[in-house]
PDB file of all heavy atoms in Angstrom:
ATOM      1  N   GLY A   1      -1.759   2.689  -8.008  1.00  0.00           N
ATOM      2  CA  GLY A   1      -0.723   3.683  -8.286  1.00  0.00           C
ATOM      3  C   GLY A   1      -0.789   4.851  -7.310  1.00  0.00           C
ATOM      4  O   GLY A   1       0.233   5.341  -6.836  1.00  0.00           O
ATOM      5  N   ALA A   2      -1.996   5.292  -6.997  1.00  0.00           N
ATOM      6  CA  ALA A   2      -2.177   6.386  -6.042  1.00  0.00           C
ATOM      7  C   ALA A   2      -1.653   5.979  -4.666  1.00  0.00           C
ATOM      8  O   ALA A   2      -1.019   6.780  -3.968  1.00  0.00           O
ATOM      9  CB  ALA A   2      -3.644   6.785  -5.974  1.00  0.00           C
ATOM     10  N   LEU A   3      -1.907   4.742  -4.277  1.00  0.00           N
ATOM     11  CA  LEU A   3      -1.404   4.253  -2.988  1.00  0.00           C
ATOM     12  C   LEU A   3       0.123   4.210  -2.957  1.00  0.00           C
ATOM     13  O   LEU A   3       0.742   4.590  -1.969  1.00  0.00           O
ATOM     14  CB  LEU A   3      -1.955   2.855  -2.696  1.00  0.00           C
ATOM     15  CG  LEU A   3      -3.309   2.773  -2.048  1.00  0.00           C
ATOM     16  CD1 LEU A   3      -3.774   1.327  -1.995  1.00  0.00           C
ATOM     17  CD2 LEU A   3      -3.297   3.377  -0.656  1.00  0.00           C
ATOM     18  N   VAL A   4       0.708   3.740  -4.041  1.00  0.00           N
ATOM     19  CA  VAL A   4       2.172   3.655  -4.108  1.00  0.00           C
ATOM     20  C   VAL A   4       2.780   5.058  -4.044  1.00  0.00           C
ATOM     21  O   VAL A   4       3.771   5.276  -3.335  1.00  0.00           O
ATOM     22  CB  VAL A   4       2.628   2.884  -5.357  1.00  0.00           C
ATOM     23  CG1 VAL A   4       4.132   2.981  -5.557  1.00  0.00           C
ATOM     24  CG2 VAL A   4       2.208   1.421  -5.267  1.00  0.00           C
ATOM     25  N   LEU A   5       2.189   6.013  -4.770  1.00  0.00           N
ATOM     26  CA  LEU A   5       2.682   7.387  -4.707  1.00  0.00           C
ATOM     27  C   LEU A   5       2.554   7.955  -3.300  1.00  0.00           C
ATOM     28  O   LEU A   5       3.438   8.669  -2.815  1.00  0.00           O
ATOM     29  CB  LEU A   5       1.931   8.265  -5.699  1.00  0.00           C
ATOM     30  CG  LEU A   5       2.287   8.046  -7.165  1.00  0.00           C
ATOM     31  CD1 LEU A   5       1.367   8.873  -8.065  1.00  0.00           C
ATOM     32  CD2 LEU A   5       3.742   8.392  -7.428  1.00  0.00           C
ATOM     33  N   ALA A   6       1.448   7.647  -2.633  1.00  0.00           N
ATOM     34  CA  ALA A   6       1.251   8.102  -1.257  1.00  0.00           C
ATOM     35  C   ALA A   6       2.319   7.509  -0.345  1.00  0.00           C
ATOM     36  O   ALA A   6       2.862   8.191   0.518  1.00  0.00           O
ATOM     37  CB  ALA A   6      -0.144   7.731  -0.782  1.00  0.00           C
ATOM     38  N   LEU A   7       2.618   6.234  -0.547  1.00  0.00           N
ATOM     39  CA  LEU A   7       3.644   5.584   0.269  1.00  0.00           C
ATOM     40  C   LEU A   7       5.006   6.234   0.050  1.00  0.00           C
ATOM     41  O   LEU A   7       5.756   6.462   1.000  1.00  0.00           O
ATOM     42  CB  LEU A   7       3.697   4.084  -0.049  1.00  0.00           C
ATOM     43  CG  LEU A   7       4.676   3.273   0.792  1.00  0.00           C
ATOM     44  CD1 LEU A   7       4.283   3.308   2.275  1.00  0.00           C
ATOM     45  CD2 LEU A   7       4.727   1.834   0.302  1.00  0.00           C
ATOM     46  N   LYS A   8       5.328   6.565  -1.207  1.00  0.00           N
ATOM     47  CA  LYS A   8       6.597   7.240  -1.499  1.00  0.00           C
ATOM     48  C   LYS A   8       6.666   8.587  -0.778  1.00  0.00           C
ATOM     49  O   LYS A   8       7.703   8.947  -0.228  1.00  0.00           O
ATOM     50  CB  LYS A   8       6.759   7.447  -3.007  1.00  0.00           C
ATOM     51  CG  LYS A   8       7.149   6.206  -3.750  1.00  0.00           C
ATOM     52  CD  LYS A   8       7.384   6.524  -5.207  1.00  0.00           C
ATOM     53  CE  LYS A   8       7.848   5.291  -5.953  1.00  0.00           C
ATOM     54  NZ  LYS A   8       8.160   5.608  -7.354  1.00  0.00           N
ATOM     55  N   ALA A   9       5.562   9.312  -0.777  1.00  0.00           N
ATOM     56  CA  ALA A   9       5.528  10.612  -0.094  1.00  0.00           C
ATOM     57  C   ALA A   9       5.725  10.429   1.408  1.00  0.00           C
ATOM     58  O   ALA A   9       6.423  11.218   2.058  1.00  0.00           O
ATOM     59  CB  ALA A   9       4.206  11.324  -0.376  1.00  0.00           C
ATOM     60  N   ILE A  10       5.136   9.387   1.953  1.00  0.00           N
ATOM     61  CA  ILE A  10       5.275   9.125   3.388  1.00  0.00           C
ATOM     62  C   ILE A  10       6.707   8.729   3.732  1.00  0.00           C
ATOM     63  O   ILE A  10       7.238   9.144   4.749  1.00  0.00           O
ATOM     64  CB  ILE A  10       4.245   8.082   3.850  1.00  0.00           C
ATOM     65  CG1 ILE A  10       2.882   8.772   3.931  1.00  0.00           C
ATOM     66  CG2 ILE A  10       4.626   7.454   5.177  1.00  0.00           C
ATOM     67  CD1 ILE A  10       1.731   7.873   4.214  1.00  0.00           C
ATOM     68  N   HIS A  11       7.338   7.945   2.857  1.00  0.00           N
ATOM     69  CA  HIS A  11       8.736   7.567   3.110  1.00  0.00           C
ATOM     70  C   HIS A  11       9.646   8.786   3.116  1.00  0.00           C
ATOM     71  O   HIS A  11      10.691   8.777   3.772  1.00  0.00           O
ATOM     72  CB  HIS A  11       9.217   6.546   2.076  1.00  0.00           C
ATOM     73  CG  HIS A  11       8.735   5.165   2.332  1.00  0.00           C
ATOM     74  ND1 HIS A  11       9.130   4.414   3.408  1.00  0.00           N
ATOM     75  CD2 HIS A  11       7.860   4.383   1.657  1.00  0.00           C
ATOM     76  CE1 HIS A  11       8.541   3.240   3.385  1.00  0.00           C
ATOM     77  NE2 HIS A  11       7.748   3.201   2.334  1.00  0.00           N
ATOM     78  N   ALA A  12       9.253   9.838   2.410  1.00  0.00           N
ATOM     79  CA  ALA A  12      10.041  11.069   2.376  1.00  0.00           C
ATOM     80  C   ALA A  12       9.771  11.939   3.592  1.00  0.00           C
ATOM     81  O   ALA A  12      10.456  12.933   3.800  1.00  0.00           O
ATOM     82  CB  ALA A  12       9.730  11.846   1.098  1.00  0.00           C
ATOM     83  N   THR A  13       8.778  11.561   4.383  1.00  0.00           N
ATOM     84  CA  THR A  13       8.406  12.311   5.584  1.00  0.00           C
ATOM     85  C   THR A  13       8.911  11.558   6.803  1.00  0.00           C
ATOM     86  O   THR A  13       8.702  10.360   6.930  1.00  0.00           O
ATOM     87  CB  THR A  13       6.868  12.451   5.670  1.00  0.00           C
ATOM     88  OG1 THR A  13       6.398  13.018   4.456  1.00  0.00           O
ATOM     89  CG2 THR A  13       6.462  13.323   6.828  1.00  0.00           C
ATOM     90  N   GLU A  14       9.557  12.261   7.684  1.00  0.00           N
ATOM     91  CA  GLU A  14      10.135  11.617   8.862  1.00  0.00           C
ATOM     92  C   GLU A  14       9.079  11.175   9.862  1.00  0.00           C
ATOM     93  O   GLU A  14       8.141  11.912  10.148  1.00  0.00           O
ATOM     94  CB  GLU A  14      11.098  12.597   9.539  1.00  0.00           C
ATOM     95  CG  GLU A  14      12.434  11.965   9.842  1.00  0.00           C
ATOM     96  CD  GLU A  14      13.383  12.983  10.416  1.00  0.00           C
ATOM     97  OE1 GLU A  14      13.953  13.751   9.639  1.00  0.00           O
ATOM     98  OE2 GLU A  14      13.546  12.984  11.655  1.00  0.00           O
ATOM     99  N   ASN A  15       9.244   9.983  10.376  1.00  0.00           N
ATOM    100  CA  ASN A  15       8.428   9.465  11.485  1.00  0.00           C
ATOM    101  C   ASN A  15       6.942   9.333  11.191  1.00  0.00           C
ATOM    102  O   ASN A  15       6.120   9.501  12.090  1.00  0.00           O
ATOM    103  CB  ASN A  15       8.631  10.323  12.741  1.00  0.00           C
ATOM    104  CG  ASN A  15      10.065  10.296  13.216  1.00  0.00           C
ATOM    105  OD1 ASN A  15      10.709   9.243  13.187  1.00  0.00           O
ATOM    106  ND2 ASN A  15      10.576  11.435  13.619  1.00  0.00           N
ATOM    107  N   VAL A  16       6.568   9.065   9.959  1.00  0.00           N
ATOM    108  CA  VAL A  16       5.165   8.805   9.614  1.00  0.00           C
ATOM    109  C   VAL A  16       5.095   7.430   8.993  1.00  0.00           C
ATOM    110  O   VAL A  16       5.934   7.077   8.158  1.00  0.00           O
ATOM    111  CB  VAL A  16       4.596   9.868   8.644  1.00  0.00           C
ATOM    112  CG1 VAL A  16       3.156   9.557   8.285  1.00  0.00           C
ATOM    113  CG2 VAL A  16       4.699  11.252   9.253  1.00  0.00           C
ATOM    114  N   LYS A  17       4.101   6.643   9.404  1.00  0.00           N
ATOM    115  CA  LYS A  17       3.940   5.283   8.871  1.00  0.00           C
ATOM    116  C   LYS A  17       2.548   5.147   8.270  1.00  0.00           C
ATOM    117  O   LYS A  17       1.590   5.747   8.747  1.00  0.00           O
ATOM    118  CB  LYS A  17       4.143   4.257   9.970  1.00  0.00           C
ATOM    119  CG  LYS A  17       5.541   4.291  10.552  1.00  0.00           C
ATOM    120  CD  LYS A  17       5.841   3.007  11.267  1.00  0.00           C
ATOM    121  CE  LYS A  17       7.208   3.032  11.882  1.00  0.00           C
ATOM    122  NZ  LYS A  17       8.292   2.803  10.986  1.00  0.00           N
ATOM    123  N   LEU A  18       2.460   4.310   7.229  1.00  0.00           N
ATOM    124  CA  LEU A  18       1.204   4.050   6.535  1.00  0.00           C
ATOM    125  C   LEU A  18       0.869   2.574   6.647  1.00  0.00           C
ATOM    126  O   LEU A  18       1.721   1.714   6.408  1.00  0.00           O
ATOM    127  CB  LEU A  18       1.327   4.427   5.051  1.00  0.00           C
ATOM    128  CG  LEU A  18       0.104   4.165   4.182  1.00  0.00           C
ATOM    129  CD1 LEU A  18      -1.016   5.150   4.530  1.00  0.00           C
ATOM    130  CD2 LEU A  18       0.456   4.290   2.712  1.00  0.00           C
ATOM    131  N   TYR A  19      -0.375   2.302   7.043  1.00  0.00           N
ATOM    132  CA  TYR A  19      -0.874   0.928   7.152  1.00  0.00           C
ATOM    133  C   TYR A  19      -2.193   0.834   6.393  1.00  0.00           C
ATOM    134  O   TYR A  19      -2.902   1.833   6.224  1.00  0.00           O
ATOM    135  CB  TYR A  19      -1.117   0.550   8.613  1.00  0.00           C
ATOM    136  CG  TYR A  19       0.120   0.608   9.468  1.00  0.00           C
ATOM    137  CD1 TYR A  19       0.423   1.742  10.208  1.00  0.00           C
ATOM    138  CD2 TYR A  19       0.985  -0.480   9.532  1.00  0.00           C
ATOM    139  CE1 TYR A  19       1.567   1.798  10.998  1.00  0.00           C
ATOM    140  CE2 TYR A  19       2.128  -0.430  10.326  1.00  0.00           C
ATOM    141  CZ  TYR A  19       2.415   0.708  11.051  1.00  0.00           C
ATOM    142  OH  TYR A  19       3.539   0.761  11.829  1.00  0.00           O
ATOM    143  N   LEU A  20      -2.520  -0.381   5.969  1.00  0.00           N
ATOM    144  CA  LEU A  20      -3.785  -0.639   5.284  1.00  0.00           C
ATOM    145  C   LEU A  20      -4.536  -1.719   6.044  1.00  0.00           C
ATOM    146  O   LEU A  20      -3.930  -2.580   6.688  1.00  0.00           O
ATOM    147  CB  LEU A  20      -3.544  -1.136   3.851  1.00  0.00           C
ATOM    148  CG  LEU A  20      -2.586  -0.343   2.966  1.00  0.00           C
ATOM    149  CD1 LEU A  20      -2.461  -1.011   1.599  1.00  0.00           C
ATOM    150  CD2 LEU A  20      -3.023   1.096   2.818  1.00  0.00           C
ATOM    151  N   CYS A  21      -5.874  -1.692   5.941  1.00  0.00           N
ATOM    152  CA  CYS A  21      -6.658  -2.767   6.535  1.00  0.00           C
ATOM    153  C   CYS A  21      -7.974  -2.953   5.790  1.00  0.00           C
ATOM    154  O   CYS A  21      -8.375  -2.115   4.989  1.00  0.00           O
ATOM    155  CB  CYS A  21      -6.918  -2.523   8.024  1.00  0.00           C
ATOM    156  SG  CYS A  21      -8.150  -1.279   8.404  1.00  0.00           S
ATOM    157  N   SER A  22      -8.606  -4.081   6.078  1.00  0.00           N
ATOM    158  CA  SER A  22      -9.970  -4.401   5.629  1.00  0.00           C
ATOM    159  C   SER A  22     -10.116  -4.504   4.118  1.00  0.00           C
ATOM    160  O   SER A  22     -11.097  -4.040   3.544  1.00  0.00           O
ATOM    161  CB  SER A  22     -10.976  -3.394   6.195  1.00  0.00           C
ATOM    162  OG  SER A  22     -10.915  -3.366   7.600  1.00  0.00           O
ATOM    163  N   LEU A  23      -9.149  -5.149   3.467  1.00  0.00           N
ATOM    164  CA  LEU A  23      -9.270  -5.393   2.028  1.00  0.00           C
ATOM    165  C   LEU A  23     -10.229  -6.555   1.789  1.00  0.00           C
ATOM    166  O   LEU A  23     -10.070  -7.623   2.393  1.00  0.00           O
ATOM    167  CB  LEU A  23      -7.918  -5.754   1.421  1.00  0.00           C
ATOM    168  CG  LEU A  23      -6.861  -4.661   1.396  1.00  0.00           C
ATOM    169  CD1 LEU A  23      -5.511  -5.244   1.034  1.00  0.00           C
ATOM    170  CD2 LEU A  23      -7.247  -3.568   0.427  1.00  0.00           C
ATOM    171  N   ASN A  24     -11.202  -6.368   0.887  1.00  0.00           N
ATOM    172  CA  ASN A  24     -12.074  -7.487   0.547  1.00  0.00           C
ATOM    173  C   ASN A  24     -11.327  -8.455  -0.374  1.00  0.00           C
ATOM    174  O   ASN A  24     -10.173  -8.215  -0.741  1.00  0.00           O
ATOM    175  CB  ASN A  24     -13.400  -7.003  -0.054  1.00  0.00           C
ATOM    176  CG  ASN A  24     -13.250  -6.445  -1.461  1.00  0.00           C
ATOM    177  OD1 ASN A  24     -12.215  -6.591  -2.114  1.00  0.00           O
ATOM    178  ND2 ASN A  24     -14.278  -5.778  -1.941  1.00  0.00           N
ATOM    179  N   GLU A  25     -11.962  -9.524  -0.755  1.00  0.00           N
ATOM    180  CA  GLU A  25     -11.291 -10.560  -1.543  1.00  0.00           C
ATOM    181  C   GLU A  25     -10.778 -10.028  -2.881  1.00  0.00           C
ATOM    182  O   GLU A  25      -9.664 -10.319  -3.296  1.00  0.00           O
ATOM    183  CB  GLU A  25     -12.239 -11.741  -1.762  1.00  0.00           C
ATOM    184  CG  GLU A  25     -11.545 -12.941  -2.377  1.00  0.00           C
ATOM    185  CD  GLU A  25     -12.471 -14.147  -2.462  1.00  0.00           C
ATOM    186  OE1 GLU A  25     -13.367 -14.290  -1.612  1.00  0.00           O
ATOM    187  OE2 GLU A  25     -12.283 -14.942  -3.390  1.00  0.00           O
ATOM    188  N   GLN A  26     -11.605  -9.246  -3.595  1.00  0.00           N
ATOM    189  CA  GLN A  26     -11.198  -8.694  -4.891  1.00  0.00           C
ATOM    190  C   GLN A  26      -9.990  -7.784  -4.737  1.00  0.00           C
ATOM    191  O   GLN A  26      -9.023  -7.882  -5.482  1.00  0.00           O
ATOM    192  CB  GLN A  26     -12.357  -7.937  -5.558  1.00  0.00           C
ATOM    193  CG  GLN A  26     -12.048  -7.401  -6.944  1.00  0.00           C
ATOM    194  CD  GLN A  26     -11.351  -6.047  -6.988  1.00  0.00           C
ATOM    195  OE1 GLN A  26     -11.413  -5.254  -6.049  1.00  0.00           O
ATOM    196  NE2 GLN A  26     -10.644  -5.805  -8.068  1.00  0.00           N
ATOM    197  N   CYS A  27     -10.055  -6.910  -3.760  1.00  0.00           N
ATOM    198  CA  CYS A  27      -8.957  -5.974  -3.544  1.00  0.00           C
ATOM    199  C   CYS A  27      -7.674  -6.706  -3.139  1.00  0.00           C
ATOM    200  O   CYS A  27      -6.597  -6.409  -3.651  1.00  0.00           O
ATOM    201  CB  CYS A  27      -9.341  -4.945  -2.480  1.00  0.00           C
ATOM    202  SG  CYS A  27     -10.738  -3.895  -2.938  1.00  0.00           S
ATOM    203  N   ARG A  28      -7.820  -7.661  -2.252  1.00  0.00           N
ATOM    204  CA  ARG A  28      -6.654  -8.444  -1.813  1.00  0.00           C
ATOM    205  C   ARG A  28      -6.025  -9.171  -3.011  1.00  0.00           C
ATOM    206  O   ARG A  28      -4.799  -9.226  -3.148  1.00  0.00           O
ATOM    207  CB  ARG A  28      -7.067  -9.446  -0.744  1.00  0.00           C
ATOM    208  CG  ARG A  28      -5.905 -10.174  -0.114  1.00  0.00           C
ATOM    209  CD  ARG A  28      -6.347 -11.183   0.943  1.00  0.00           C
ATOM    210  NE  ARG A  28      -7.555 -10.826   1.657  1.00  0.00           N
ATOM    211  CZ  ARG A  28      -7.614 -10.114   2.795  1.00  0.00           C
ATOM    212  NH1 ARG A  28      -6.528  -9.707   3.343  1.00  0.00           N
ATOM    213  NH2 ARG A  28      -8.739  -9.836   3.377  1.00  0.00           N
ATOM    214  N   MET A  29      -6.855  -9.693  -3.914  1.00  0.00           N
ATOM    215  CA  MET A  29      -6.348 -10.405  -5.075  1.00  0.00           C
ATOM    216  C   MET A  29      -5.540  -9.477  -5.985  1.00  0.00           C
ATOM    217  O   MET A  29      -4.460  -9.838  -6.464  1.00  0.00           O
ATOM    218  CB  MET A  29      -7.505 -11.027  -5.873  1.00  0.00           C
ATOM    219  CG  MET A  29      -7.042 -11.961  -6.971  1.00  0.00           C
ATOM    220  SD  MET A  29      -8.401 -12.668  -7.939  1.00  0.00           S
ATOM    221  CE  MET A  29      -9.552 -13.172  -6.696  1.00  0.00           C
ATOM    222  N   ILE A  30      -6.030  -8.252  -6.185  1.00  0.00           N
ATOM    223  CA  ILE A  30      -5.302  -7.273  -7.002  1.00  0.00           C
ATOM    224  C   ILE A  30      -3.951  -6.952  -6.359  1.00  0.00           C
ATOM    225  O   ILE A  30      -2.931  -6.891  -7.040  1.00  0.00           O
ATOM    226  CB  ILE A  30      -6.139  -5.979  -7.182  1.00  0.00           C
ATOM    227  CG1 ILE A  30      -7.396  -6.246  -8.008  1.00  0.00           C
ATOM    228  CG2 ILE A  30      -5.298  -4.852  -7.791  1.00  0.00           C
ATOM    229  CD1 ILE A  30      -7.127  -6.683  -9.431  1.00  0.00           C
ATOM    230  N   PHE A  31      -3.950  -6.774  -5.061  1.00  0.00           N
ATOM    231  CA  PHE A  31      -2.694  -6.497  -4.351  1.00  0.00           C
ATOM    232  C   PHE A  31      -1.719  -7.659  -4.534  1.00  0.00           C
ATOM    233  O   PHE A  31      -0.530  -7.441  -4.748  1.00  0.00           O
ATOM    234  CB  PHE A  31      -2.967  -6.276  -2.861  1.00  0.00           C
ATOM    235  CG  PHE A  31      -3.302  -4.860  -2.496  1.00  0.00           C
ATOM    236  CD1 PHE A  31      -4.520  -4.305  -2.848  1.00  0.00           C
ATOM    237  CD2 PHE A  31      -2.407  -4.086  -1.784  1.00  0.00           C
ATOM    238  CE1 PHE A  31      -4.838  -3.012  -2.501  1.00  0.00           C
ATOM    239  CE2 PHE A  31      -2.706  -2.773  -1.433  1.00  0.00           C
ATOM    240  CZ  PHE A  31      -3.928  -2.236  -1.793  1.00  0.00           C
ATOM    241  N   GLU A  32      -2.216  -8.893  -4.428  1.00  0.00           N
ATOM    242  CA  GLU A  32      -1.344 -10.063  -4.547  1.00  0.00           C
ATOM    243  C   GLU A  32      -0.861 -10.257  -5.975  1.00  0.00           C
ATOM    244  O   GLU A  32       0.322 -10.559  -6.194  1.00  0.00           O
ATOM    245  CB  GLU A  32      -2.074 -11.300  -4.035  1.00  0.00           C
ATOM    246  CG  GLU A  32      -2.267 -11.278  -2.525  1.00  0.00           C
ATOM    247  CD  GLU A  32      -3.157 -12.385  -2.007  1.00  0.00           C
ATOM    248  OE1 GLU A  32      -3.632 -13.236  -2.798  1.00  0.00           O
ATOM    249  OE2 GLU A  32      -3.402 -12.408  -0.780  1.00  0.00           O
ATOM    250  N   LEU A  33      -1.742 -10.116  -6.960  1.00  0.00           N
ATOM    251  CA  LEU A  33      -1.353 -10.313  -8.361  1.00  0.00           C
ATOM    252  C   LEU A  33      -0.299  -9.300  -8.797  1.00  0.00           C
ATOM    253  O   LEU A  33       0.596  -9.637  -9.586  1.00  0.00           O
ATOM    254  CB  LEU A  33      -2.571 -10.212  -9.276  1.00  0.00           C
ATOM    255  CG  LEU A  33      -3.544 -11.385  -9.240  1.00  0.00           C
ATOM    256  CD1 LEU A  33      -4.803 -11.070 -10.039  1.00  0.00           C
ATOM    257  CD2 LEU A  33      -2.880 -12.648  -9.775  1.00  0.00           C
ATOM    258  N   THR A  34      -0.394  -8.097  -8.305  1.00  0.00           N
ATOM    259  CA  THR A  34       0.564  -7.060  -8.671  1.00  0.00           C
ATOM    260  C   THR A  34       1.758  -7.008  -7.717  1.00  0.00           C
ATOM    261  O   THR A  34       2.673  -6.217  -7.912  1.00  0.00           O
ATOM    262  CB  THR A  34      -0.119  -5.669  -8.690  1.00  0.00           C
ATOM    263  OG1 THR A  34      -0.661  -5.402  -7.396  1.00  0.00           O
ATOM    264  CG2 THR A  34      -1.198  -5.613  -9.749  1.00  0.00           C
ATOM    265  N   ARG A  35       1.706  -7.833  -6.689  1.00  0.00           N
ATOM    266  CA  ARG A  35       2.741  -7.924  -5.658  1.00  0.00           C
ATOM    267  C   ARG A  35       2.910  -6.627  -4.861  1.00  0.00           C
ATOM    268  O   ARG A  35       3.922  -6.424  -4.191  1.00  0.00           O
ATOM    269  CB  ARG A  35       4.073  -8.375  -6.244  1.00  0.00           C
ATOM    270  CG  ARG A  35       3.985  -9.783  -6.803  1.00  0.00           C
ATOM    271  CD  ARG A  35       5.341 -10.352  -7.053  1.00  0.00           C
ATOM    272  NE  ARG A  35       5.190 -11.751  -7.412  1.00  0.00           N
ATOM    273  CZ  ARG A  35       5.639 -12.269  -8.529  1.00  0.00           C
ATOM    274  NH1 ARG A  35       6.298 -11.525  -9.386  1.00  0.00           N
ATOM    275  NH2 ARG A  35       5.479 -13.546  -8.785  1.00  0.00           N
ATOM    276  N   VAL A  36       1.908  -5.766  -4.924  1.00  0.00           N
ATOM    277  CA  VAL A  36       1.939  -4.528  -4.149  1.00  0.00           C
ATOM    278  C   VAL A  36       1.787  -4.850  -2.663  1.00  0.00           C
ATOM    279  O   VAL A  36       2.240  -4.095  -1.813  1.00  0.00           O
ATOM    280  CB  VAL A  36       0.835  -3.565  -4.648  1.00  0.00           C
ATOM    281  CG1 VAL A  36       0.699  -2.342  -3.768  1.00  0.00           C
ATOM    282  CG2 VAL A  36       1.127  -3.147  -6.080  1.00  0.00           C
ATOM    283  N   ASN A  37       1.199  -5.996  -2.359  1.00  0.00           N
ATOM    284  CA  ASN A  37       1.027  -6.389  -0.953  1.00  0.00           C
ATOM    285  C   ASN A  37       2.360  -6.508  -0.226  1.00  0.00           C
ATOM    286  O   ASN A  37       2.405  -6.371   0.995  1.00  0.00           O
ATOM    287  CB  ASN A  37       0.229  -7.689  -0.844  1.00  0.00           C
ATOM    288  CG  ASN A  37       0.913  -8.856  -1.511  1.00  0.00           C
ATOM    289  OD1 ASN A  37       1.538  -8.703  -2.568  1.00  0.00           O
ATOM    290  ND2 ASN A  37       0.792 -10.023  -0.941  1.00  0.00           N
ATOM    291  N   SER A  38       3.455  -6.691  -0.958  1.00  0.00           N
ATOM    292  CA  SER A  38       4.754  -6.846  -0.311  1.00  0.00           C
ATOM    293  C   SER A  38       5.347  -5.517   0.161  1.00  0.00           C
ATOM    294  O   SER A  38       6.283  -5.516   0.957  1.00  0.00           O
ATOM    295  CB  SER A  38       5.731  -7.539  -1.260  1.00  0.00           C
ATOM    296  OG  SER A  38       5.991  -6.709  -2.386  1.00  0.00           O
ATOM    297  N   ILE A  39       4.809  -4.388  -0.299  1.00  0.00           N
ATOM    298  CA  ILE A  39       5.376  -3.097   0.112  1.00  0.00           C
ATOM    299  C   ILE A  39       4.523  -2.392   1.168  1.00  0.00           C
ATOM    300  O   ILE A  39       4.924  -1.357   1.690  1.00  0.00           O
ATOM    301  CB  ILE A  39       5.627  -2.151  -1.086  1.00  0.00           C
ATOM    302  CG1 ILE A  39       4.331  -1.796  -1.800  1.00  0.00           C
ATOM    303  CG2 ILE A  39       6.649  -2.758  -2.032  1.00  0.00           C
ATOM    304  CD1 ILE A  39       4.489  -0.698  -2.835  1.00  0.00           C
ATOM    305  N   PHE A  40       3.357  -2.953   1.456  1.00  0.00           N
ATOM    306  CA  PHE A  40       2.472  -2.366   2.471  1.00  0.00           C
ATOM    307  C   PHE A  40       2.314  -3.331   3.641  1.00  0.00           C
ATOM    308  O   PHE A  40       2.360  -4.545   3.449  1.00  0.00           O
ATOM    309  CB  PHE A  40       1.080  -2.108   1.885  1.00  0.00           C
ATOM    310  CG  PHE A  40       1.033  -0.990   0.893  1.00  0.00           C
ATOM    311  CD1 PHE A  40       1.010  -1.253  -0.452  1.00  0.00           C
ATOM    312  CD2 PHE A  40       1.013   0.331   1.311  1.00  0.00           C
ATOM    313  CE1 PHE A  40       0.968  -0.234  -1.385  1.00  0.00           C
ATOM    314  CE2 PHE A  40       0.958   1.373   0.399  1.00  0.00           C
ATOM    315  CZ  PHE A  40       0.937   1.087  -0.960  1.00  0.00           C
TER     316      PHE A  40
END
């Protein structure tokens, strides 16, 4: 939820992009199960 809120704030800011990297297996699974991986 904190990441999604951060992304919303960034979308409201001109010319700033947010990227993620180095998710371990557990973290990647949470992103996939919640489909949050599709917005990052």
